[in-house]
Protein backbone atom coordinates (compact mmCIF):
# COMPACT_ATOMS: atom_id res chain seq x y z
CA MET A 1 30.54 -66.63 27.61
CA ASP A 2 32.95 -67.79 24.91
CA ASN A 3 31.35 -66.09 21.91
CA LYS A 4 31.30 -62.33 21.91
CA PHE A 5 27.96 -60.85 20.88
CA ILE A 6 27.96 -58.78 17.67
CA VAL A 7 25.04 -56.53 16.93
CA SER A 8 23.04 -57.37 13.83
CA ALA A 9 23.92 -54.07 12.13
CA ARG A 10 27.59 -55.14 12.09
CA LYS A 11 27.11 -58.89 11.80
CA TYR A 12 24.89 -58.62 8.71
CA ARG A 13 26.57 -55.64 7.07
CA PRO A 14 26.53 -56.29 3.29
CA GLN A 15 29.82 -57.55 1.86
CA ASN A 16 29.07 -57.08 -1.84
CA PHE A 17 26.81 -54.94 -3.99
CA ASN A 18 24.12 -57.60 -4.42
CA THR A 19 23.41 -57.71 -0.69
CA VAL A 20 22.89 -53.94 -0.34
CA VAL A 21 19.20 -53.32 0.44
CA GLY A 22 17.12 -50.71 -1.36
CA GLN A 23 19.91 -48.92 -3.31
CA SER A 24 19.90 -50.80 -6.61
CA HIS A 25 20.16 -47.56 -8.63
CA ILE A 26 23.54 -46.89 -7.03
CA THR A 27 24.99 -50.41 -6.86
CA THR A 28 24.18 -51.03 -10.54
CA THR A 29 25.93 -47.81 -11.56
CA LEU A 30 29.03 -48.62 -9.53
CA LYS A 31 29.27 -52.20 -10.85
CA ASN A 32 29.00 -51.01 -14.46
CA ALA A 33 31.65 -48.36 -13.84
CA ILE A 34 34.02 -51.02 -12.46
CA LYS A 35 33.40 -53.40 -15.35
CA ASN A 36 33.89 -50.69 -17.97
CA ASN A 37 36.88 -49.20 -16.16
CA GLN A 38 35.19 -45.78 -15.92
CA LEU A 39 35.81 -44.96 -12.28
CA ALA A 40 35.77 -41.34 -11.18
CA HIS A 41 38.55 -40.07 -8.95
CA ALA A 42 36.11 -38.65 -6.32
CA PHE A 43 32.69 -39.81 -5.17
CA LEU A 44 30.20 -38.13 -2.85
CA PHE A 45 27.67 -40.42 -1.16
CA CYS A 46 24.87 -38.40 0.47
CA GLY A 47 21.58 -39.43 2.03
CA PRO A 48 19.82 -40.13 5.36
CA ARG A 49 21.47 -42.03 8.18
CA GLY A 50 21.66 -45.80 8.11
CA VAL A 51 20.90 -46.37 4.43
CA GLY A 52 24.27 -47.81 3.34
CA LYS A 53 26.58 -44.93 2.41
CA THR A 54 29.66 -46.15 4.32
CA THR A 55 28.84 -49.76 3.45
CA CYS A 56 28.81 -49.01 -0.29
CA ALA A 57 32.04 -47.04 0.08
CA ARG A 58 33.76 -50.04 1.67
CA ILE A 59 32.38 -52.46 -0.90
CA LEU A 60 33.57 -50.17 -3.70
CA ALA A 61 37.04 -49.93 -2.14
CA LYS A 62 37.26 -53.69 -1.78
CA THR A 63 35.93 -54.46 -5.27
CA ILE A 64 38.27 -52.18 -7.24
CA ASN A 65 41.30 -53.76 -5.55
CA CYS A 66 40.08 -57.35 -5.97
CA THR A 67 42.47 -59.39 -8.12
CA ASN A 68 39.83 -61.88 -9.22
CA PRO A 69 36.48 -60.07 -9.65
CA THR A 70 33.40 -61.98 -10.78
CA PRO A 71 31.82 -61.39 -14.22
CA GLU A 72 29.05 -59.38 -12.53
CA GLY A 73 31.60 -56.90 -11.15
CA GLU A 74 31.58 -58.23 -7.56
CA ALA A 75 34.56 -58.92 -5.32
CA CYS A 76 35.59 -62.55 -4.98
CA ASN A 77 36.15 -62.37 -1.18
CA THR A 78 38.92 -65.00 -1.49
CA CYS A 79 41.97 -63.16 -2.87
CA ASN A 80 44.63 -61.64 -0.62
CA SER A 81 43.27 -58.13 -1.07
CA CYS A 82 39.73 -59.14 -0.09
CA VAL A 83 40.94 -61.23 2.85
CA SER A 84 43.13 -58.41 4.17
CA PHE A 85 40.21 -56.01 3.80
CA GLU A 86 37.89 -58.32 5.78
CA SER A 87 40.47 -58.67 8.54
CA GLY A 88 41.08 -54.90 8.65
CA THR A 89 44.76 -55.10 7.71
CA SER A 90 44.58 -53.66 4.20
CA LEU A 91 47.01 -50.79 3.59
CA ASN A 92 45.16 -49.56 0.54
CA ILE A 93 42.00 -48.39 2.35
CA HIS A 94 42.07 -45.45 4.74
CA GLU A 95 39.03 -44.25 6.67
CA LEU A 96 38.89 -40.79 8.22
CA ASP A 97 36.17 -39.54 10.53
CA ALA A 98 35.81 -35.87 9.63
CA ALA A 99 33.70 -35.21 12.73
CA SER A 100 36.74 -35.65 15.00
CA ASN A 101 39.48 -34.85 12.44
CA ASN A 102 38.21 -31.65 10.92
CA SER A 103 41.22 -29.35 11.16
CA VAL A 104 43.61 -28.21 8.47
CA GLU A 105 46.43 -30.32 9.96
CA ASP A 106 44.38 -33.52 9.63
CA ILE A 107 43.72 -32.83 5.95
CA ARG A 108 47.36 -31.96 5.34
CA SER A 109 48.47 -35.26 6.83
CA LEU A 110 45.96 -37.01 4.57
CA VAL A 111 47.33 -35.17 1.53
CA GLU A 112 50.86 -36.22 2.51
CA GLN A 113 49.80 -39.89 2.49
CA VAL A 114 48.33 -39.54 -1.00
CA ARG A 115 51.80 -39.02 -2.46
CA PHE A 116 52.80 -42.63 -1.78
CA ALA A 117 51.74 -45.25 -4.33
CA PRO A 118 50.10 -48.52 -3.13
CA GLN A 119 52.46 -51.39 -2.36
CA ALA A 120 49.89 -53.98 -3.45
CA GLY A 121 46.77 -53.52 -5.53
CA LYS A 122 45.83 -50.86 -8.03
CA TYR A 123 44.18 -48.15 -5.95
CA LYS A 124 44.51 -46.40 -2.62
CA VAL A 125 41.02 -45.49 -1.44
CA TYR A 126 40.38 -42.73 1.10
CA ILE A 127 36.95 -42.81 2.75
CA VAL A 128 36.07 -39.55 4.55
CA ASP A 129 32.92 -39.99 6.63
CA GLU A 130 30.74 -37.06 7.80
CA VAL A 131 32.67 -34.80 5.45
CA HIS A 132 30.33 -31.85 6.12
CA MET A 133 32.00 -31.46 9.54
CA LEU A 134 35.26 -30.23 7.98
CA SER A 135 36.06 -26.58 8.59
CA ALA A 136 36.14 -24.11 5.71
CA SER A 137 39.94 -23.90 5.84
CA ALA A 138 40.19 -27.71 5.79
CA PHE A 139 37.94 -27.81 2.72
CA ASN A 140 40.16 -25.27 1.00
CA ALA A 141 43.28 -27.29 1.84
CA PHE A 142 41.59 -30.34 0.30
CA LEU A 143 40.52 -28.68 -2.96
CA LYS A 144 43.66 -29.05 -5.07
CA THR A 145 44.27 -32.69 -4.18
CA LEU A 146 40.61 -33.55 -4.73
CA GLU A 147 40.62 -31.94 -8.17
CA GLU A 148 43.84 -33.53 -9.49
CA PRO A 149 44.75 -36.58 -7.40
CA PRO A 150 47.29 -39.21 -8.54
CA SER A 151 45.96 -41.89 -10.87
CA TYR A 152 46.02 -44.49 -8.09
CA ALA A 153 44.07 -42.39 -5.52
CA ILE A 154 40.28 -42.46 -5.17
CA PHE A 155 38.35 -40.37 -2.65
CA ILE A 156 34.93 -41.39 -1.34
CA LEU A 157 33.18 -38.72 0.73
CA ALA A 158 30.06 -39.57 2.76
CA THR A 159 27.68 -37.09 4.36
CA THR A 160 24.13 -36.76 5.68
CA GLU A 161 23.98 -32.99 5.06
CA LYS A 162 24.86 -32.25 1.48
CA HIS A 163 23.83 -28.59 1.72
CA LYS A 164 26.70 -27.85 4.15
CA ILE A 165 29.41 -28.81 1.66
CA LEU A 166 31.10 -26.09 -0.36
CA PRO A 167 30.05 -25.87 -4.02
CA THR A 168 33.71 -26.11 -5.03
CA ILE A 169 33.84 -29.56 -3.44
CA LEU A 170 30.57 -30.66 -5.02
CA SER A 171 31.75 -29.70 -8.49
CA ARG A 172 34.81 -31.98 -8.15
CA CYS A 173 32.85 -35.10 -7.13
CA GLN A 174 30.52 -37.63 -8.74
CA ILE A 175 27.43 -37.38 -6.56
CA PHE A 176 25.24 -40.35 -5.56
CA ASP A 177 22.03 -39.68 -3.66
CA PHE A 178 20.94 -42.54 -1.40
CA LYS A 179 17.21 -42.86 -0.70
CA ARG A 180 15.33 -44.10 2.33
CA ILE A 181 14.74 -47.84 2.40
CA THR A 182 11.09 -48.77 1.89
CA ASN A 183 9.18 -50.65 4.56
CA ASN A 184 8.74 -53.68 2.28
CA ASP A 185 12.50 -53.96 1.69
CA THR A 186 13.15 -53.57 5.40
CA VAL A 187 10.65 -56.29 6.30
CA GLU A 188 12.13 -58.70 3.75
CA HIS A 189 15.64 -58.10 5.08
CA LEU A 190 14.50 -58.57 8.68
CA GLN A 191 12.78 -61.84 7.74
CA GLU A 192 16.02 -63.16 6.27
CA ILE A 193 17.89 -62.28 9.46
CA VAL A 194 15.36 -63.84 11.86
CA GLU A 195 15.41 -67.02 9.78
CA LYS A 196 19.19 -67.19 10.00
CA GLU A 197 19.09 -66.50 13.75
CA ALA A 198 16.21 -68.96 14.33
CA ILE A 199 14.05 -66.27 15.90
CA LYS A 200 10.26 -66.60 16.01
CA ALA A 201 8.87 -63.33 14.68
CA GLU A 202 5.45 -62.34 13.42
CA LYS A 203 5.35 -60.42 10.17
CA ALA A 204 3.11 -57.78 11.76
CA ALA A 205 5.81 -57.17 14.39
CA LEU A 206 8.45 -56.75 11.69
CA GLN A 207 6.19 -54.27 9.88
CA VAL A 208 5.88 -52.21 13.07
CA ILE A 209 9.69 -52.23 13.42
CA ALA A 210 10.06 -51.09 9.80
CA GLN A 211 7.59 -48.24 10.32
CA LYS A 212 9.35 -47.16 13.51
CA SER A 213 12.78 -47.10 11.82
CA GLU A 214 11.51 -44.65 9.13
CA GLY A 215 13.67 -46.01 6.31
CA CYS A 216 16.86 -46.51 8.32
CA MET A 217 18.10 -50.10 8.15
CA ARG A 218 20.57 -49.70 11.00
CA ASP A 219 17.80 -48.47 13.31
CA SER A 220 15.54 -51.38 12.38
CA LEU A 221 18.29 -53.90 13.16
CA SER A 222 19.01 -52.20 16.49
CA ILE A 223 15.29 -52.28 17.38
CA LEU A 224 15.14 -55.97 16.46
CA ASP A 225 18.08 -56.75 18.74
CA LYS A 226 16.41 -54.94 21.64
CA ILE A 227 13.07 -56.69 21.22
CA VAL A 228 14.73 -60.11 20.89
CA SER A 229 16.50 -59.48 24.18
CA PHE A 230 13.29 -58.18 25.75
CA THR A 231 11.14 -61.14 24.66
CA ASN A 232 13.81 -63.84 24.93
CA GLY A 233 13.72 -64.75 21.24
CA THR A 234 10.00 -64.47 20.44
CA VAL A 235 8.89 -61.31 18.62
CA THR A 236 5.13 -60.82 18.59
CA TYR A 237 2.94 -57.90 17.58
CA GLN A 238 1.83 -57.10 21.13
CA ASN A 239 5.23 -57.20 22.83
CA THR A 240 6.67 -55.10 19.98
CA LEU A 241 4.04 -52.43 20.59
CA GLU A 242 4.74 -52.58 24.31
CA HIS A 243 8.49 -52.32 23.91
CA LEU A 244 8.39 -49.50 21.35
CA ASN A 245 5.76 -47.60 23.36
CA ILE A 246 3.35 -47.53 20.41
CA LEU A 247 -0.38 -47.21 20.93
CA ASP A 248 -2.37 -50.07 19.43
CA GLU A 249 -4.54 -48.97 16.51
CA ASP A 250 -7.52 -50.68 18.12
CA TYR A 251 -7.68 -47.73 20.54
CA TYR A 252 -8.01 -45.35 17.60
CA PHE A 253 -10.83 -47.41 16.07
CA ARG A 254 -12.68 -47.33 19.43
CA LEU A 255 -12.08 -43.62 19.86
CA LEU A 256 -13.38 -42.88 16.37
CA SER A 257 -16.47 -44.99 17.01
CA SER A 258 -17.25 -43.00 20.19
CA LEU A 259 -16.77 -39.71 18.38
CA GLN A 260 -19.02 -40.77 15.52
CA GLN A 261 -21.78 -41.65 18.00
CA GLN A 262 -21.17 -38.33 19.84
CA ASP A 263 -20.60 -40.32 23.03
CA MET A 264 -18.30 -37.83 24.73
CA ALA A 265 -18.20 -39.75 28.03
CA SER A 266 -16.84 -42.90 26.37
CA ALA A 267 -14.27 -40.90 24.42
CA MET A 268 -13.04 -39.12 27.54
CA LEU A 269 -12.84 -42.37 29.51
CA LEU A 270 -10.90 -44.00 26.68
CA PHE A 271 -8.39 -41.14 26.67
CA ASP A 272 -8.06 -41.47 30.43
CA GLU A 273 -7.26 -45.15 29.98
CA ILE A 274 -4.63 -44.30 27.36
CA ASN A 275 -3.18 -41.60 29.61
CA ARG A 276 -2.89 -43.99 32.57
CA LYS A 277 -0.87 -46.35 30.40
CA GLY A 278 1.80 -43.67 30.14
CA PHE A 279 1.20 -42.30 26.65
CA GLU A 280 1.78 -38.57 26.34
CA GLY A 281 -0.86 -36.29 24.83
CA ASP A 282 1.24 -35.30 21.82
CA MET A 283 1.75 -38.98 20.98
CA VAL A 284 -2.02 -39.52 21.08
CA LEU A 285 -2.66 -36.51 18.83
CA ASN A 286 0.04 -37.54 16.37
CA GLY A 287 -1.09 -41.16 16.28
CA PHE A 288 -4.75 -40.25 15.84
CA ALA A 289 -3.86 -37.79 13.04
CA GLU A 290 -1.93 -40.55 11.25
CA PHE A 291 -4.92 -42.87 11.76
CA ILE A 292 -7.29 -40.30 10.20
CA ARG A 293 -4.82 -39.82 7.35
CA ASN A 294 -4.89 -43.57 6.62
CA LEU A 295 -8.70 -43.51 6.56
CA LEU A 296 -8.59 -40.57 4.18
CA VAL A 297 -6.21 -42.48 1.91
CA CYS A 298 -8.63 -45.44 1.80
CA LYS A 299 -11.50 -43.30 0.51
CA ASP A 300 -10.19 -43.37 -3.06
CA PRO A 301 -8.99 -46.61 -4.70
CA LYS A 302 -6.33 -44.63 -6.57
CA SER A 303 -4.63 -43.60 -3.35
CA ALA A 304 -5.14 -46.89 -1.52
CA ALA A 305 -1.56 -47.85 -2.39
CA LEU A 306 -0.39 -45.14 0.05
CA LEU A 307 -1.91 -47.06 2.95
CA ASP A 308 1.02 -48.32 5.05
CA VAL A 309 -0.36 -50.33 7.95
CA VAL A 310 0.23 -53.69 9.55
CA GLU A 311 -0.83 -56.70 7.52
CA GLY A 312 -4.41 -57.71 8.30
CA LEU A 313 -5.69 -54.23 9.09
CA GLN A 314 -6.17 -53.07 5.51
CA GLU A 315 -9.68 -54.49 5.22
CA LYS A 316 -10.74 -52.92 8.51
CA TYR A 317 -9.44 -49.54 7.42
CA ILE A 318 -11.29 -49.74 4.10
CA GLN A 319 -14.51 -50.81 5.84
CA VAL A 320 -14.42 -48.00 8.41
CA ALA A 321 -13.43 -45.40 5.81
CA GLY A 322 -16.49 -46.28 3.73
CA SER A 323 -18.82 -45.34 6.59
CA ILE A 324 -17.33 -41.89 7.26
CA GLY A 325 -17.78 -38.81 5.13
CA MET A 326 -14.86 -37.09 3.47
CA SER A 327 -15.74 -33.74 5.06
CA TYR A 328 -15.49 -35.22 8.56
CA LEU A 329 -12.06 -36.74 7.90
CA VAL A 330 -10.62 -33.54 6.42
CA SER A 331 -12.02 -31.38 9.23
CA ALA A 332 -10.80 -33.80 11.91
CA LEU A 333 -7.33 -33.88 10.38
CA ASN A 334 -7.24 -30.09 10.40
CA ILE A 335 -8.30 -29.92 14.08
CA LEU A 336 -5.70 -32.52 15.09
CA ASN A 337 -2.96 -30.74 13.17
CA GLU A 338 -3.72 -27.43 14.87
CA ALA A 339 -3.89 -29.11 18.29
CA GLU A 340 -0.51 -30.79 17.75
CA ILE A 341 1.08 -27.48 16.77
CA GLN A 342 -0.33 -25.72 19.85
CA PHE A 343 0.46 -28.60 22.24
CA LYS A 344 3.90 -27.31 23.29
CA MET A 345 2.49 -23.92 24.28
CA ALA A 346 -0.37 -25.36 26.35
CA ARG A 347 0.22 -25.22 30.10
CA ASN A 348 -2.34 -27.92 30.91
CA LYS A 349 -1.44 -30.65 28.41
CA ARG A 350 -4.23 -33.03 29.38
CA LEU A 351 -6.91 -30.35 29.15
CA HIS A 352 -5.58 -29.37 25.73
CA VAL A 353 -6.06 -32.92 24.43
CA GLU A 354 -9.48 -33.22 26.07
CA LEU A 355 -10.63 -29.99 24.40
CA THR A 356 -9.54 -31.44 21.06
CA ILE A 357 -11.59 -34.58 21.73
CA ILE A 358 -14.61 -32.42 22.62
CA LYS A 359 -14.27 -30.54 19.31
CA LEU A 360 -14.09 -33.82 17.41
CA ASN A 361 -17.11 -35.11 19.33
CA PHE A 362 -19.35 -32.30 18.06
CA LEU A 363 -17.70 -32.07 14.64
CA GLN A 364 -20.27 -34.27 12.89
CA GLN A 365 -23.11 -32.18 14.31
CA ALA A 366 -21.43 -28.99 13.09
CA ILE A 367 -20.99 -30.47 9.60
CA GLU A 368 -24.66 -31.49 9.45
CA LEU A 369 -25.75 -27.97 10.42
CA SER A 370 -23.63 -26.52 7.62
CA MET A 371 -25.10 -28.84 4.96
CA ASP A 372 -27.95 -27.86 2.68
CA ASN A 373 -29.29 -30.59 0.38
CA GLY A 374 -26.03 -32.45 0.62
CA GLN A 375 -23.93 -29.41 -0.24
CA VAL A 376 -21.62 -27.67 2.20
CA ILE A 377 -22.63 -24.05 2.72
CA LYS A 378 -19.74 -21.65 2.64
CA LYS A 379 -19.24 -19.53 5.70
CA LYS A 380 -20.14 -15.89 5.47
CA ARG A 381 -17.14 -13.66 5.66
CA ILE A 382 -17.64 -11.26 8.54
CA ASP A 383 -14.11 -10.28 9.48
CA GLY A 384 -12.70 -9.57 6.05
CA PRO A 385 -13.44 -6.88 3.49
CA VAL A 386 -16.99 -6.94 2.16
CA ALA A 387 -18.10 -5.47 -1.14
CA PHE A 388 -19.86 -2.12 -0.66
CA ARG A 389 -23.52 -2.42 -1.53
CA THR A 390 -25.29 0.64 -2.87
CA ARG A 391 -28.94 1.41 -3.45
CA THR A 392 -30.29 4.20 -5.58
CA ILE A 393 -31.94 6.91 -3.49
CA PRO A 394 -35.01 8.33 -5.22
CA SER A 395 -34.81 12.04 -5.80
CA ILE A 396 -37.59 14.60 -5.59
CA GLN A 397 -37.62 16.52 -8.82
CA VAL A 398 -39.08 19.99 -8.94
CA LYS A 399 -40.69 21.34 -12.05
CA SER A 400 -41.99 24.77 -12.60
CA ALA A 401 -45.58 24.97 -13.83
CA PRO A 402 -46.49 26.82 -17.01
CA GLU A 403 -46.46 30.52 -16.50
CA THR A 404 -49.85 31.60 -15.25
CA SER A 405 -51.12 34.25 -12.97
CA SER A 406 -50.27 32.06 -9.90
CA PRO A 407 -47.05 29.98 -10.28
CA LYS A 408 -47.15 26.52 -8.70
CA LEU A 409 -44.54 24.05 -7.36
CA TYR A 410 -44.81 20.49 -8.69
CA ILE A 411 -43.41 17.40 -6.84
CA GLU A 412 -43.36 14.16 -8.81
CA GLU A 413 -44.17 10.86 -7.12
CA LYS A 414 -44.81 7.35 -8.37
CA LYS A 415 -48.43 6.16 -8.59
CA THR A 416 -47.64 2.70 -7.24
CA ALA A 417 -45.65 4.01 -4.29
CA PRO A 418 -47.38 4.13 -0.92
CA THR A 419 -48.56 7.57 0.06
CA THR A 420 -47.40 7.11 3.64
CA PRO A 421 -43.69 8.01 3.88
CA VAL A 422 -41.26 5.40 5.21
CA SER A 423 -39.84 6.15 8.62
CA THR A 424 -36.12 6.71 8.84
CA ALA A 425 -35.97 4.43 11.87
CA THR A 426 -36.41 1.38 9.58
CA PRO A 427 -33.77 1.69 6.88
CA SER A 428 -34.23 -1.91 5.79
CA LYS A 429 -37.50 -0.99 4.02
CA PRO A 430 -37.00 0.56 0.58
CA ALA A 431 -37.89 4.19 0.20
CA PRO A 432 -40.69 5.09 -2.23
CA ALA A 433 -39.40 5.70 -5.71
CA VAL A 434 -40.18 8.98 -7.44
CA THR A 435 -40.82 9.13 -11.17
CA THR A 436 -42.54 11.34 -13.70
CA SER A 437 -45.61 9.14 -14.10
CA ALA A 438 -47.84 11.52 -12.16
CA VAL A 439 -47.63 15.12 -11.11
CA LYS A 440 -49.14 16.42 -7.95
CA PRO A 441 -49.18 20.20 -7.58
CA VAL A 442 -48.29 21.70 -4.26
CA VAL A 443 -49.82 25.14 -3.82
CA SER A 444 -50.62 27.40 -0.97
CA SER A 445 -53.91 27.13 0.89
CA THR A 446 -55.05 30.36 -0.66
CA GLY A 447 -55.18 30.44 -4.39
CA ASN A 448 -53.87 34.00 -4.66
CA GLY A 449 -51.21 33.67 -1.94
CA PRO A 450 -47.48 33.69 -2.57
CA LYS A 451 -45.64 30.56 -3.80
CA LYS A 452 -44.46 28.20 -1.06
CA SER A 453 -40.79 27.24 -0.78
CA LEU A 454 -39.69 23.67 -1.39
CA LEU A 455 -38.85 23.25 2.31
CA ASP A 456 -42.35 24.38 3.39
CA ALA A 457 -43.93 22.09 0.78
CA LEU A 458 -42.01 19.08 2.09
CA ARG A 459 -42.94 19.87 5.68
CA GLU A 460 -46.61 20.09 4.70
CA LYS A 461 -46.38 16.81 2.78
CA VAL A 462 -44.69 14.62 5.43
CA GLY A 463 -45.92 16.35 8.53
CA ASP A 464 -43.84 16.01 11.69
CA GLN A 465 -42.50 12.52 10.92
CA TYR A 466 -39.23 13.94 9.61
CA ALA A 467 -36.93 16.57 11.00
CA ILE A 468 -36.17 18.52 7.84
CA GLU A 469 -33.24 20.88 7.93
CA GLU A 470 -31.88 22.99 5.19
CA VAL A 471 -28.26 22.23 4.23
CA LYS A 472 -26.08 25.25 4.81
CA GLU A 473 -23.67 26.35 2.14
CA ALA A 474 -19.95 26.30 2.96
CA GLU A 475 -18.44 29.76 3.41
CA VAL A 476 -15.08 30.93 2.16
CA LEU A 477 -12.61 32.67 4.41
CA ASN A 478 -12.99 36.34 5.13
CA MET A 479 -10.79 38.33 7.48
CA GLU A 480 -13.55 39.84 9.59
CA LYS A 481 -15.17 36.55 10.58
CA LEU A 482 -11.78 34.78 10.88
CA THR A 483 -10.51 37.44 13.28
CA GLN A 484 -13.71 37.16 15.30
CA CYS A 485 -13.34 33.36 15.59
CA TRP A 486 -9.67 33.74 16.51
CA ASN A 487 -10.42 36.21 19.31
CA GLU A 488 -13.32 34.08 20.61
CA TYR A 489 -11.01 31.08 20.84
CA ALA A 490 -8.42 33.17 22.71
CA ILE A 491 -11.11 34.14 25.23
CA LYS A 492 -11.95 30.42 25.69
CA LEU A 493 -8.26 29.73 26.44
CA GLU A 494 -8.25 32.42 29.13
CA GLN A 495 -11.34 30.88 30.69
CA GLN A 496 -9.48 27.54 30.75
CA GLN A 497 -6.59 29.23 32.64
CA LYS A 498 -4.25 28.83 29.64
CA HIS A 499 -2.88 32.36 29.86
CA SER A 500 0.35 31.67 27.91
CA SER A 501 -1.55 30.23 24.97
CA ALA A 502 -4.09 33.05 25.09
CA GLY A 503 -1.30 35.63 25.03
CA THR A 504 0.25 33.91 22.02
CA PHE A 505 -3.09 34.04 20.17
CA LYS A 506 -3.37 37.78 20.83
CA MET A 507 0.13 38.40 19.39
CA ALA A 508 -0.38 36.24 16.30
CA LEU A 509 -0.93 37.78 12.87
CA LEU A 510 -3.46 36.24 10.45
CA GLN A 511 -3.25 36.34 6.67
CA ILE A 512 -5.68 34.70 4.22
CA GLU A 513 -3.95 32.94 1.33
CA ASP A 514 -7.03 31.76 -0.60
CA ASP A 515 -10.60 30.64 0.06
CA ILE A 516 -9.63 27.77 2.38
CA HIS A 517 -6.02 28.51 3.44
CA PHE A 518 -4.71 31.07 5.92
CA THR A 519 -1.36 31.61 7.64
CA VAL A 520 -0.65 32.31 11.31
CA THR A 521 2.58 34.23 11.98
CA VAL A 522 4.04 34.07 15.50
CA PRO A 523 7.14 35.81 16.89
CA ALA A 524 8.98 32.84 18.44
CA LEU A 525 9.35 29.04 18.47
CA THR A 526 7.69 28.74 21.88
CA ALA A 527 4.69 30.60 20.55
CA GLN A 528 4.53 28.17 17.63
CA LYS A 529 4.39 25.26 20.08
CA PHE A 530 1.47 26.88 21.94
CA VAL A 531 -0.50 27.16 18.70
CA GLU A 532 0.42 23.61 17.66
CA GLN A 533 -0.99 22.31 20.93
CA GLU A 534 -4.37 23.84 20.10
CA ARG A 535 -4.34 22.99 16.38
CA MET A 536 -6.96 20.21 16.42
CA MET A 537 -9.49 22.05 18.57
CA LEU A 538 -8.83 25.37 16.84
CA ILE A 539 -9.29 24.10 13.28
CA ASP A 540 -12.50 22.31 14.29
CA TYR A 541 -13.81 25.55 15.82
CA ILE A 542 -13.04 27.57 12.67
CA GLN A 543 -14.41 24.90 10.29
CA THR A 544 -17.66 24.79 12.27
CA ALA A 545 -17.98 28.56 12.20
CA PHE A 546 -17.52 28.71 8.42
CA ASN A 547 -19.37 25.40 7.82
CA ASN A 548 -16.38 24.36 5.70
CA ARG A 549 -14.30 21.26 6.52
CA ALA A 550 -11.70 22.10 3.88
CA ILE A 551 -10.20 25.04 5.79
CA VAL A 552 -6.58 24.54 6.94
CA PHE A 553 -3.81 26.82 8.18
CA ASN A 554 -0.01 26.96 8.46
CA ILE A 555 2.15 28.41 11.22
CA LEU A 556 5.15 30.60 10.42
CA VAL A 557 7.81 32.01 12.79
CA GLU A 558 9.12 35.50 12.16
CA ALA A 559 12.71 35.46 10.98
CA THR A 560 13.42 39.01 12.07
CA GLU A 561 13.53 38.26 15.77
CA ARG A 562 15.49 35.56 17.59
CA GLU A 563 14.10 33.88 20.58
CA GLU A 564 16.21 33.95 23.68
CA VAL A 565 16.56 30.28 24.51
CA PRO A 566 18.48 29.37 27.70
CA VAL A 567 21.97 28.03 27.11
CA HIS A 568 21.30 24.69 28.81
CA MET A 569 18.44 24.05 26.36
CA ARG A 570 20.64 24.67 23.28
CA LEU A 571 23.59 22.42 24.21
CA ASN A 572 23.79 18.63 23.87
CA SER A 573 25.32 16.34 26.52
CA LYS A 574 28.89 16.56 25.22
CA GLN A 575 28.76 20.34 24.92
CA LYS A 576 27.37 20.60 28.44
CA PHE A 577 30.30 18.59 29.83
CA GLU A 578 32.86 20.64 27.91
CA ARG A 579 31.26 23.83 29.24
CA ILE A 580 31.40 22.52 32.83
CA ALA A 581 35.01 21.36 32.38
CA GLU A 582 35.93 24.82 31.05
CA GLN A 583 34.44 26.52 34.09
CA TYR A 584 35.70 23.92 36.57
CA PRO A 585 39.03 22.38 35.44
CA LEU A 586 39.07 20.01 38.41
CA VAL A 587 36.17 18.06 36.89
CA LYS A 588 38.26 17.32 33.80
CA GLU A 589 41.24 16.40 35.96
CA LEU A 590 39.06 13.99 37.94
CA ARG A 591 37.93 12.29 34.72
CA ASP A 592 41.51 11.95 33.46
CA ARG A 593 42.89 10.55 36.73
CA LEU A 594 40.13 7.97 37.12
CA LYS A 595 40.22 7.20 33.37
CA LEU A 596 36.47 7.55 33.14
CA GLU A 597 34.56 7.12 29.91
CA ILE A 598 31.58 9.41 29.81
CA ASP A 599 28.47 8.11 28.03
CA TYR A 600 27.28 11.13 26.09
């Protein structure tokens, strides 16, 4: 082979600003700056990979040193400076890869070179690629030179991660943000290249390559070179899908059709066919989610411009989208998104995808069940907070009759209310309301007998259907009953074989502070612990006895007496070791000789 192969990314690298693809906002600015002689001393080119940052830096370096520029501000490519640049022998252009030369010494050597003026041409241009890889000390060594370089020195910094650069560097540079190249621009550039190379390529195949490259021109050219080698010079839609391991969208149309018809068997068999072709489950989920997204975009003519599919499939997308409801597409997209997020954590990947397909299969049925007259019914919230619903409980009002020889008790009830009382076992039925519309006297069976109490009157009225109990009034603390409850609880502790606690209860002193507070005084800390252990059961016992849930108590330890606590319980770990070393000096000597460090 006489001719050495050159990859398309290098062979068709733009040589002037007009040939740069998709960055017209930057190339126009640079050309105007050159024509008006308004060049900055430092530039920062930032943006994604493969969009032309280094290419524009080289074109800028070549153009500002050109001795015969065109009226449009382009390099002539024929003068000595341009020729030496093309051949790589120019002494005015220096490129530094900051990824491998990121130390302070590398920057210092670069600063030393800046001191020398160019032998030919007007400017010495220093291109620092991947500048975010420089260390912090290297950045600091670069600051002064970058801020006040010689008039003949121009620095062009290129990076893909602008956020990693120090703010002091950013403030000294003129920043240009490169954008991703659109699919249309990529396809047009690829068509020009295949025409020059005499390659047969379908436009649909080039569109797939542009979508796969995701706005990176270098990636698209590399993919084109691979497919040309794979297909021996003929690039078709099918062999491009095969080479790039992309699932044909026809599978997604078939899968959606099976799901719409709720034909789960066909959907599962189709996924099995896809799986046997070597496509991973996450790729299927991601591709199907993108397919549903495209259908969702087609539902509204305003957003139809966002549809980015292969030429010839637009009409099919619009037709299918018209036959599917918006609610189904949104719900399906949500299910697929959740499944894709959970895919990495699933142990059985295939089962995870199959469960997603089963959910999508019954999704239409679920949506139909949740529709009422064409409107989606909101789900009832059962796991969140619910507003508290109240209902007025009718009261029984008691009036005293006019003073006569035999006083009577009157109970008011509503005329329209049913006379039969509502059972408490069915709380869903409303209770009868009571009002003053009618008065029914309740008297004793004997006219001259004593007046009945309200409780007896209610029992006579409702019979045995209700268990009526009189509410007991809460009692306040009194020493006699409190002492009785305290002693009874101590007896219970003895019966439970808790003799230490029972003894503590017998020694304790009780003192009532107010109606609901009392104080327990014990002689030692250990006694306090015994009482604390019984606090919950004890306070419940006392509250029940007094029918008062507001009663509480405090525990105090007498300050007059000190509890004899063993020495080993008072000392911490360090104090214990020092005490042992004081009694046994050999232990300390052993630690010193072995140079031990004791973990206290």
